[in-house]
N, C-alpha and C. Protein backbone atom coordinates (compact mmCIF):
# COMPACT_ATOMS: atom_id res chain seq x y z
N MET A 1 140.37 80.13 81.11
CA MET A 1 139.05 79.71 81.56
C MET A 1 138.75 78.28 81.13
N VAL A 2 139.21 77.92 79.94
CA VAL A 2 138.99 76.55 79.47
C VAL A 2 139.70 75.57 80.41
N GLN A 3 140.92 75.93 80.81
CA GLN A 3 141.68 75.07 81.72
C GLN A 3 140.97 74.95 83.08
N PHE A 4 140.43 76.06 83.58
CA PHE A 4 139.67 76.02 84.84
C PHE A 4 138.50 75.06 84.71
N GLY A 5 137.77 75.16 83.61
CA GLY A 5 136.62 74.29 83.38
C GLY A 5 137.01 72.83 83.32
N GLN A 6 138.15 72.55 82.71
CA GLN A 6 138.62 71.17 82.62
C GLN A 6 139.03 70.65 84.00
N GLN A 7 139.67 71.49 84.81
CA GLN A 7 140.11 71.07 86.13
C GLN A 7 138.96 70.92 87.12
N HIS A 8 137.93 71.72 86.97
CA HIS A 8 136.82 71.74 87.92
C HIS A 8 135.50 71.32 87.28
N TYR A 9 135.59 70.51 86.27
CA TYR A 9 134.44 70.06 85.48
C TYR A 9 133.32 69.50 86.37
N ALA A 10 133.67 68.53 87.22
CA ALA A 10 132.66 67.88 88.07
C ALA A 10 132.05 68.87 89.05
N GLY A 11 132.87 69.73 89.64
CA GLY A 11 132.36 70.71 90.60
C GLY A 11 131.39 71.68 89.96
N VAL A 12 131.69 72.12 88.75
CA VAL A 12 130.79 73.04 88.04
C VAL A 12 129.48 72.34 87.72
N LEU A 13 129.56 71.09 87.29
CA LEU A 13 128.32 70.35 86.96
C LEU A 13 127.48 70.09 88.21
N TRP A 14 128.12 69.74 89.33
CA TRP A 14 127.36 69.56 90.56
C TRP A 14 126.75 70.87 91.02
N GLY A 15 127.48 71.98 90.86
CA GLY A 15 126.93 73.29 91.20
C GLY A 15 125.74 73.63 90.32
N ALA A 16 125.84 73.29 89.04
CA ALA A 16 124.72 73.52 88.12
C ALA A 16 123.51 72.68 88.53
N TRP A 17 123.76 71.45 88.91
CA TRP A 17 122.67 70.58 89.35
C TRP A 17 121.98 71.17 90.58
N LEU A 18 122.79 71.63 91.55
CA LEU A 18 122.21 72.24 92.75
C LEU A 18 121.40 73.48 92.41
N GLN A 19 121.91 74.27 91.47
CA GLN A 19 121.19 75.48 91.10
C GLN A 19 119.92 75.17 90.31
N ALA A 20 119.85 74.01 89.71
CA ALA A 20 118.62 73.60 89.02
C ALA A 20 117.60 73.03 90.00
N VAL A 21 118.06 72.19 90.91
CA VAL A 21 117.16 71.50 91.83
C VAL A 21 116.68 72.43 92.95
N GLY A 22 117.55 73.29 93.45
CA GLY A 22 117.18 74.21 94.54
C GLY A 22 115.95 75.04 94.22
N PRO A 23 115.92 75.74 93.08
CA PRO A 23 114.72 76.53 92.76
C PRO A 23 113.45 75.69 92.59
N VAL A 24 113.59 74.44 92.18
CA VAL A 24 112.41 73.59 92.08
C VAL A 24 111.77 73.44 93.45
N PHE A 25 112.59 73.19 94.47
CA PHE A 25 112.05 73.04 95.82
C PHE A 25 111.53 74.37 96.37
N ILE A 26 112.19 75.47 96.01
CA ILE A 26 111.71 76.79 96.42
C ILE A 26 110.33 77.05 95.82
N VAL A 27 110.19 76.75 94.55
CA VAL A 27 108.92 76.97 93.86
C VAL A 27 107.82 76.08 94.46
N LEU A 28 108.13 74.82 94.72
CA LEU A 28 107.13 73.93 95.32
C LEU A 28 106.72 74.43 96.70
N PHE A 29 107.68 74.93 97.47
CA PHE A 29 107.36 75.48 98.79
C PHE A 29 106.49 76.74 98.65
N ALA A 30 106.83 77.60 97.70
CA ALA A 30 106.02 78.80 97.47
C ALA A 30 104.59 78.42 97.08
N PHE A 31 104.45 77.41 96.21
CA PHE A 31 103.11 76.95 95.83
C PHE A 31 102.36 76.41 97.05
N SER A 32 103.08 75.70 97.91
CA SER A 32 102.46 75.16 99.12
C SER A 32 101.97 76.28 100.03
N LEU A 33 102.76 77.34 100.16
CA LEU A 33 102.33 78.47 100.98
C LEU A 33 101.09 79.12 100.40
N VAL A 34 101.06 79.28 99.10
CA VAL A 34 99.88 79.88 98.44
C VAL A 34 98.66 78.99 98.69
N HIS A 35 98.84 77.68 98.54
CA HIS A 35 97.72 76.74 98.75
C HIS A 35 97.25 76.79 100.21
N LEU A 36 98.19 76.67 101.14
CA LEU A 36 97.83 76.68 102.56
C LEU A 36 97.18 78.00 102.98
N ALA A 37 97.55 79.08 102.33
CA ALA A 37 96.96 80.39 102.64
C ALA A 37 95.60 80.57 101.99
N GLY A 38 95.18 79.60 101.19
CA GLY A 38 93.89 79.71 100.51
C GLY A 38 93.87 80.77 99.42
N ALA A 39 95.04 81.00 98.81
CA ALA A 39 95.16 82.08 97.82
C ALA A 39 95.30 81.57 96.39
N THR A 40 94.95 80.32 96.14
CA THR A 40 95.16 79.79 94.79
C THR A 40 94.26 80.45 93.75
N GLN A 41 93.15 81.01 94.18
CA GLN A 41 92.25 81.65 93.23
C GLN A 41 92.28 83.18 93.32
N ARG A 42 93.26 83.71 94.06
CA ARG A 42 93.41 85.16 94.17
C ARG A 42 94.50 85.63 93.22
N LEU A 43 94.45 86.90 92.88
CA LEU A 43 95.44 87.47 91.96
C LEU A 43 96.86 87.27 92.49
N ALA A 44 97.08 87.51 93.77
CA ALA A 44 98.43 87.35 94.33
C ALA A 44 98.91 85.91 94.21
N GLY A 45 98.01 84.96 94.34
CA GLY A 45 98.37 83.55 94.16
C GLY A 45 98.81 83.26 92.73
N TRP A 46 98.05 83.78 91.77
CA TRP A 46 98.40 83.61 90.35
C TRP A 46 99.70 84.32 90.01
N MET A 47 99.90 85.50 90.61
CA MET A 47 101.14 86.24 90.37
C MET A 47 102.34 85.49 90.95
N THR A 48 102.13 84.78 92.06
CA THR A 48 103.20 83.95 92.62
C THR A 48 103.56 82.83 91.65
N LEU A 49 102.55 82.23 91.03
CA LEU A 49 102.79 81.21 90.01
C LEU A 49 103.62 81.79 88.86
N PHE A 50 103.25 82.97 88.41
CA PHE A 50 104.00 83.63 87.34
C PHE A 50 105.44 83.91 87.78
N GLY A 51 105.61 84.46 88.99
CA GLY A 51 106.94 84.77 89.50
C GLY A 51 107.80 83.52 89.61
N ALA A 52 107.19 82.42 90.04
CA ALA A 52 107.93 81.16 90.13
C ALA A 52 108.38 80.69 88.75
N THR A 53 107.54 80.88 87.77
CA THR A 53 107.88 80.50 86.39
C THR A 53 109.05 81.35 85.89
N VAL A 54 109.02 82.63 86.17
CA VAL A 54 110.12 83.51 85.77
C VAL A 54 111.41 83.10 86.47
N LEU A 55 111.33 82.83 87.78
CA LEU A 55 112.52 82.41 88.53
C LEU A 55 113.12 81.14 87.94
N MET A 56 112.29 80.15 87.66
CA MET A 56 112.80 78.90 87.09
C MET A 56 113.42 79.13 85.72
N THR A 57 112.80 79.96 84.91
CA THR A 57 113.33 80.23 83.57
C THR A 57 114.70 80.88 83.66
N VAL A 58 114.83 81.91 84.49
CA VAL A 58 116.12 82.61 84.64
C VAL A 58 117.18 81.64 85.17
N SER A 59 116.81 80.84 86.15
CA SER A 59 117.76 79.89 86.72
C SER A 59 118.22 78.87 85.69
N LEU A 60 117.29 78.33 84.93
CA LEU A 60 117.65 77.31 83.93
C LEU A 60 118.48 77.89 82.79
N ILE A 61 118.21 79.12 82.41
CA ILE A 61 119.04 79.77 81.38
C ILE A 61 120.47 79.92 81.90
N GLU A 62 120.60 80.39 83.12
CA GLU A 62 121.94 80.57 83.69
C GLU A 62 122.69 79.24 83.76
N ILE A 63 122.01 78.20 84.19
CA ILE A 63 122.63 76.88 84.30
C ILE A 63 123.06 76.35 82.94
N THR A 64 122.25 76.58 81.94
CA THR A 64 122.60 76.15 80.58
C THR A 64 123.93 76.75 80.15
N TYR A 65 124.15 78.00 80.49
CA TYR A 65 125.41 78.64 80.10
C TYR A 65 126.57 78.23 81.00
N TYR A 66 126.30 77.83 82.24
CA TYR A 66 127.38 77.25 83.05
C TYR A 66 127.91 75.99 82.36
N ILE A 67 126.98 75.16 81.94
CA ILE A 67 127.37 73.91 81.28
C ILE A 67 128.01 74.22 79.93
N GLY A 68 127.45 75.19 79.21
CA GLY A 68 128.03 75.58 77.91
C GLY A 68 129.45 76.07 78.04
N ALA A 69 129.76 76.72 79.15
CA ALA A 69 131.12 77.25 79.36
C ALA A 69 132.14 76.14 79.53
N LEU A 70 131.69 74.93 79.81
CA LEU A 70 132.62 73.81 80.01
C LEU A 70 133.11 73.21 78.70
N PHE A 71 132.43 73.48 77.60
CA PHE A 71 132.86 72.92 76.32
C PHE A 71 134.17 73.56 75.89
N PRO A 72 135.19 72.74 75.63
CA PRO A 72 136.50 73.30 75.28
C PRO A 72 136.60 73.83 73.85
N ASP A 73 135.73 73.36 72.98
CA ASP A 73 135.79 73.80 71.58
C ASP A 73 134.45 74.35 71.14
N PRO A 74 134.40 75.43 70.48
CA PRO A 74 135.50 76.37 70.30
C PRO A 74 135.71 77.15 71.60
N GLU A 75 136.91 77.66 71.80
CA GLU A 75 137.24 78.39 73.04
C GLU A 75 136.35 79.62 73.22
N GLU A 76 135.87 80.17 72.12
CA GLU A 76 135.00 81.34 72.20
C GLU A 76 133.70 81.02 72.93
N MET A 77 133.30 79.73 72.89
CA MET A 77 132.07 79.30 73.57
C MET A 77 132.15 79.62 75.06
N THR A 78 133.31 79.39 75.65
CA THR A 78 133.50 79.67 77.08
C THR A 78 133.32 81.15 77.35
N LEU A 79 133.95 81.99 76.55
CA LEU A 79 133.87 83.43 76.76
C LEU A 79 132.45 83.95 76.56
N ILE A 80 131.79 83.45 75.54
CA ILE A 80 130.41 83.87 75.28
C ILE A 80 129.50 83.42 76.43
N SER A 81 129.68 82.17 76.87
CA SER A 81 128.85 81.66 77.95
C SER A 81 129.01 82.48 79.22
N LEU A 82 130.24 82.83 79.55
CA LEU A 82 130.49 83.61 80.77
C LEU A 82 129.84 84.99 80.68
N LYS A 83 129.82 85.57 79.50
CA LYS A 83 129.18 86.88 79.34
C LYS A 83 127.66 86.76 79.44
N VAL A 84 127.12 85.69 78.90
CA VAL A 84 125.67 85.50 79.00
C VAL A 84 125.28 85.24 80.46
N ILE A 85 126.11 84.50 81.19
CA ILE A 85 125.84 84.27 82.61
C ILE A 85 125.74 85.60 83.34
N SER A 86 126.68 86.48 83.09
CA SER A 86 126.65 87.81 83.74
C SER A 86 125.39 88.58 83.35
N ALA A 87 124.99 88.47 82.10
CA ALA A 87 123.79 89.16 81.65
C ALA A 87 122.53 88.58 82.32
N VAL A 88 122.46 87.27 82.40
CA VAL A 88 121.28 86.62 82.97
C VAL A 88 121.18 86.90 84.47
N GLN A 89 122.32 87.05 85.14
CA GLN A 89 122.28 87.35 86.57
C GLN A 89 121.54 88.67 86.84
N HIS A 90 121.59 89.58 85.91
CA HIS A 90 120.83 90.82 86.05
C HIS A 90 119.33 90.52 86.13
N LEU A 91 118.89 89.53 85.36
CA LEU A 91 117.46 89.22 85.34
C LEU A 91 116.94 88.77 86.69
N TYR A 92 117.80 88.10 87.46
CA TYR A 92 117.39 87.66 88.79
C TYR A 92 116.98 88.86 89.63
N PHE A 93 117.80 89.90 89.60
CA PHE A 93 117.55 91.08 90.42
C PHE A 93 116.45 91.96 89.82
N ILE A 94 116.45 92.10 88.51
CA ILE A 94 115.49 92.99 87.87
C ILE A 94 114.07 92.44 87.94
N VAL A 95 113.92 91.13 87.68
CA VAL A 95 112.56 90.61 87.57
C VAL A 95 112.30 89.31 88.32
N ALA A 96 113.21 88.34 88.33
CA ALA A 96 112.89 87.02 88.88
C ALA A 96 112.58 87.06 90.37
N ALA A 97 113.50 87.57 91.18
CA ALA A 97 113.26 87.61 92.63
C ALA A 97 112.08 88.52 92.98
N PRO A 98 112.01 89.75 92.43
CA PRO A 98 110.84 90.59 92.76
C PRO A 98 109.51 89.96 92.32
N ALA A 99 109.50 89.30 91.17
CA ALA A 99 108.25 88.72 90.66
C ALA A 99 107.75 87.58 91.53
N LEU A 100 108.64 86.93 92.28
CA LEU A 100 108.20 85.88 93.19
C LEU A 100 107.92 86.44 94.59
N PHE A 101 108.83 87.25 95.11
CA PHE A 101 108.68 87.71 96.50
C PHE A 101 107.54 88.71 96.68
N LEU A 102 107.27 89.56 95.70
CA LEU A 102 106.20 90.55 95.85
C LEU A 102 104.84 89.90 96.04
N PRO A 103 104.39 89.06 95.12
CA PRO A 103 103.06 88.47 95.32
C PRO A 103 103.02 87.50 96.50
N LEU A 104 104.11 86.78 96.72
CA LEU A 104 104.13 85.86 97.87
C LEU A 104 104.05 86.65 99.17
N GLY A 105 104.72 87.79 99.21
CA GLY A 105 104.61 88.65 100.39
C GLY A 105 103.19 89.11 100.62
N ILE A 106 102.51 89.46 99.53
CA ILE A 106 101.10 89.88 99.65
C ILE A 106 100.25 88.73 100.18
N VAL A 107 100.48 87.53 99.66
CA VAL A 107 99.74 86.36 100.13
C VAL A 107 99.97 86.17 101.63
N LEU A 108 101.21 86.28 102.06
CA LEU A 108 101.53 86.01 103.47
C LEU A 108 101.05 87.11 104.41
N VAL A 109 101.09 88.35 103.95
CA VAL A 109 100.60 89.45 104.79
C VAL A 109 99.10 89.33 105.00
N THR A 110 98.39 88.78 104.03
CA THR A 110 96.93 88.70 104.11
C THR A 110 96.44 87.34 104.61
N SER A 111 97.34 86.52 105.16
CA SER A 111 96.93 85.22 105.68
C SER A 111 97.56 84.98 107.05
N ARG A 112 97.21 83.85 107.64
CA ARG A 112 97.77 83.49 108.94
C ARG A 112 98.66 82.26 108.84
N ILE A 113 99.06 81.90 107.66
CA ILE A 113 99.85 80.69 107.46
C ILE A 113 101.23 80.79 108.11
N LEU A 114 101.81 81.96 108.08
CA LEU A 114 103.07 82.28 108.74
C LEU A 114 102.89 83.62 109.46
N PRO A 115 103.73 83.92 110.42
CA PRO A 115 103.66 85.26 111.01
C PRO A 115 103.77 86.33 109.91
N ARG A 116 103.02 87.39 110.04
CA ARG A 116 103.01 88.43 109.01
C ARG A 116 104.40 89.01 108.74
N LEU A 117 105.29 88.89 109.71
CA LEU A 117 106.66 89.35 109.53
C LEU A 117 107.28 88.75 108.26
N PHE A 118 106.99 87.48 107.98
CA PHE A 118 107.54 86.86 106.77
C PHE A 118 107.00 87.52 105.51
N GLY A 119 105.74 87.92 105.54
CA GLY A 119 105.17 88.63 104.41
C GLY A 119 105.84 89.98 104.20
N TYR A 120 106.03 90.70 105.29
CA TYR A 120 106.69 92.01 105.18
C TYR A 120 108.15 91.86 104.76
N LEU A 121 108.82 90.84 105.27
CA LEU A 121 110.20 90.61 104.84
C LEU A 121 110.26 90.23 103.36
N ALA A 122 109.29 89.46 102.88
CA ALA A 122 109.24 89.11 101.46
C ALA A 122 109.05 90.37 100.61
N LEU A 123 108.18 91.27 101.07
CA LEU A 123 107.99 92.54 100.35
C LEU A 123 109.27 93.37 100.35
N LEU A 124 109.96 93.38 101.48
CA LEU A 124 111.23 94.10 101.58
C LEU A 124 112.28 93.48 100.65
N LEU A 125 112.33 92.15 100.59
CA LEU A 125 113.26 91.49 99.67
C LEU A 125 112.93 91.83 98.22
N ALA A 126 111.65 91.81 97.88
CA ALA A 126 111.25 92.15 96.51
C ALA A 126 111.71 93.56 96.16
N ALA A 127 111.48 94.50 97.06
CA ALA A 127 111.87 95.89 96.81
C ALA A 127 113.40 96.02 96.73
N THR A 128 114.11 95.33 97.60
CA THR A 128 115.57 95.41 97.60
C THR A 128 116.16 94.81 96.34
N PHE A 129 115.67 93.64 95.95
CA PHE A 129 116.17 93.03 94.71
C PHE A 129 115.89 93.93 93.51
N ALA A 130 114.69 94.47 93.44
CA ALA A 130 114.35 95.36 92.33
C ALA A 130 115.23 96.61 92.34
N ALA A 131 115.45 97.18 93.52
CA ALA A 131 116.29 98.38 93.62
C ALA A 131 117.73 98.08 93.20
N LEU A 132 118.26 96.94 93.62
CA LEU A 132 119.61 96.56 93.20
C LEU A 132 119.67 96.34 91.69
N GLY A 133 118.61 95.73 91.15
CA GLY A 133 118.56 95.52 89.70
C GLY A 133 118.61 96.82 88.93
N VAL A 134 117.87 97.80 89.40
CA VAL A 134 117.86 99.11 88.75
C VAL A 134 119.17 99.85 88.99
N ALA A 135 119.67 99.80 90.23
CA ALA A 135 120.90 100.53 90.57
C ALA A 135 122.10 100.05 89.76
N PHE A 136 122.13 98.77 89.42
CA PHE A 136 123.27 98.22 88.69
C PHE A 136 122.91 97.84 87.26
N LEU A 137 121.84 98.43 86.76
CA LEU A 137 121.40 98.15 85.40
C LEU A 137 122.47 98.47 84.36
N LEU A 138 123.21 99.52 84.58
CA LEU A 138 124.21 99.95 83.61
C LEU A 138 125.59 99.34 83.87
N THR A 139 125.67 98.40 84.79
CA THR A 139 126.91 97.70 85.08
C THR A 139 126.82 96.32 84.45
N LEU A 140 127.71 96.03 83.51
CA LEU A 140 127.61 94.77 82.79
C LEU A 140 127.80 93.55 83.68
N MET A 141 128.72 93.63 84.61
CA MET A 141 128.93 92.52 85.54
C MET A 141 128.60 93.00 86.94
N LEU A 142 127.67 92.33 87.58
CA LEU A 142 127.26 92.73 88.92
C LEU A 142 128.42 92.58 89.90
N PRO A 143 128.58 93.53 90.81
CA PRO A 143 129.62 93.40 91.83
C PRO A 143 129.38 92.18 92.71
N GLY A 144 130.44 91.64 93.25
CA GLY A 144 130.34 90.46 94.10
C GLY A 144 129.40 90.65 95.28
N ALA A 145 129.41 91.84 95.88
CA ALA A 145 128.53 92.10 97.02
C ALA A 145 127.06 92.01 96.63
N VAL A 146 126.75 92.42 95.41
CA VAL A 146 125.36 92.37 94.94
C VAL A 146 124.95 90.92 94.71
N THR A 147 125.77 90.16 94.00
CA THR A 147 125.41 88.76 93.77
C THR A 147 125.38 87.98 95.08
N ALA A 148 126.24 88.33 96.03
CA ALA A 148 126.23 87.67 97.34
C ALA A 148 124.93 87.95 98.08
N PHE A 149 124.34 89.13 97.86
CA PHE A 149 123.08 89.47 98.53
C PHE A 149 121.98 88.48 98.16
N ALA A 150 122.08 87.88 96.99
CA ALA A 150 121.07 86.90 96.58
C ALA A 150 120.98 85.76 97.59
N GLY A 151 122.05 85.51 98.33
CA GLY A 151 122.03 84.46 99.34
C GLY A 151 121.10 84.75 100.50
N VAL A 152 120.76 86.02 100.69
CA VAL A 152 119.86 86.40 101.78
C VAL A 152 118.51 85.72 101.61
N GLN A 153 118.07 85.57 100.38
CA GLN A 153 116.77 84.95 100.17
C GLN A 153 116.75 83.52 100.68
N GLY A 154 117.90 82.84 100.65
CA GLY A 154 117.98 81.49 101.19
C GLY A 154 117.65 81.45 102.68
N LEU A 155 118.08 82.47 103.39
CA LEU A 155 117.76 82.56 104.82
C LEU A 155 116.26 82.75 105.03
N TRP A 156 115.63 83.53 104.13
CA TRP A 156 114.19 83.74 104.23
C TRP A 156 113.46 82.41 104.05
N TRP A 157 113.84 81.66 103.00
CA TRP A 157 113.18 80.37 102.72
C TRP A 157 113.40 79.40 103.88
N LEU A 158 114.61 79.37 104.43
CA LEU A 158 114.90 78.49 105.56
C LEU A 158 114.06 78.88 106.77
N GLY A 159 114.04 80.16 107.09
CA GLY A 159 113.24 80.62 108.22
C GLY A 159 111.76 80.34 108.04
N ALA A 160 111.26 80.57 106.84
CA ALA A 160 109.84 80.33 106.57
C ALA A 160 109.51 78.84 106.69
N SER A 161 110.39 78.00 106.19
CA SER A 161 110.12 76.55 106.24
C SER A 161 110.17 76.03 107.68
N ILE A 162 111.15 76.48 108.45
CA ILE A 162 111.24 76.05 109.85
C ILE A 162 110.01 76.52 110.62
N THR A 163 109.60 77.75 110.38
CA THR A 163 108.43 78.29 111.06
C THR A 163 107.17 77.53 110.67
N LEU A 164 107.04 77.21 109.40
CA LEU A 164 105.87 76.46 108.96
C LEU A 164 105.82 75.08 109.62
N VAL A 165 106.95 74.40 109.67
CA VAL A 165 106.99 73.09 110.31
C VAL A 165 106.66 73.22 111.80
N ALA A 166 107.22 74.22 112.45
CA ALA A 166 106.97 74.42 113.89
C ALA A 166 105.50 74.72 114.17
N ARG A 167 104.86 75.40 113.24
CA ARG A 167 103.45 75.78 113.43
C ARG A 167 102.48 74.80 112.80
N SER A 168 102.96 73.71 112.24
CA SER A 168 102.13 72.82 111.42
C SER A 168 100.89 72.31 112.12
N GLY A 169 100.92 72.13 113.40
CA GLY A 169 99.73 71.65 114.10
C GLY A 169 98.74 72.76 114.44
N ARG A 170 99.15 74.01 114.26
CA ARG A 170 98.31 75.14 114.69
C ARG A 170 97.86 76.01 113.52
N ILE A 171 98.10 75.58 112.29
CA ILE A 171 97.81 76.43 111.14
C ILE A 171 96.36 76.27 110.70
N SER A 172 95.75 77.37 110.43
CA SER A 172 94.44 77.35 109.81
C SER A 172 94.47 78.39 108.68
N PRO A 173 94.03 78.01 107.48
CA PRO A 173 94.02 78.97 106.38
C PRO A 173 93.21 80.19 106.75
N LYS A 174 93.46 81.26 106.03
CA LYS A 174 92.80 82.55 106.29
C LYS A 174 91.34 82.45 106.54
């Protein structure tokens, strides 16, 4: 593993950078949706803020251990970092994704900022992530198919952003 880290040092660091910056833009977009929906003073709006904070925390912890795994000395650091990464990935499914998608889904279902379908899909994503988190709670390393499912949320964010831009001239808050 140390040799892999040395050979792919730059790629791992760029991947870590992308994983740090990507959630920042996701969180800013989520905040924008809450604002545009007029939900900044509603419980679901505040819960979205909390969920975004949890998502950023989990993401930054995982990234810290990606970078930590690159240190060649002591070699145990790499092994420990890789195990912590696997542990932190559970948090994404157990709490981070559901904590963001559930309240954001509520905000979107109760507003006209996006078609309600996006709100219902967000609620479905929250439930699916939570269910996967519980289903694989006793598995130390998540199966590849489970971690790959996390990519589905990227499609949701892309679809929501394209739809918001397309509707930008016709949007009125709730």
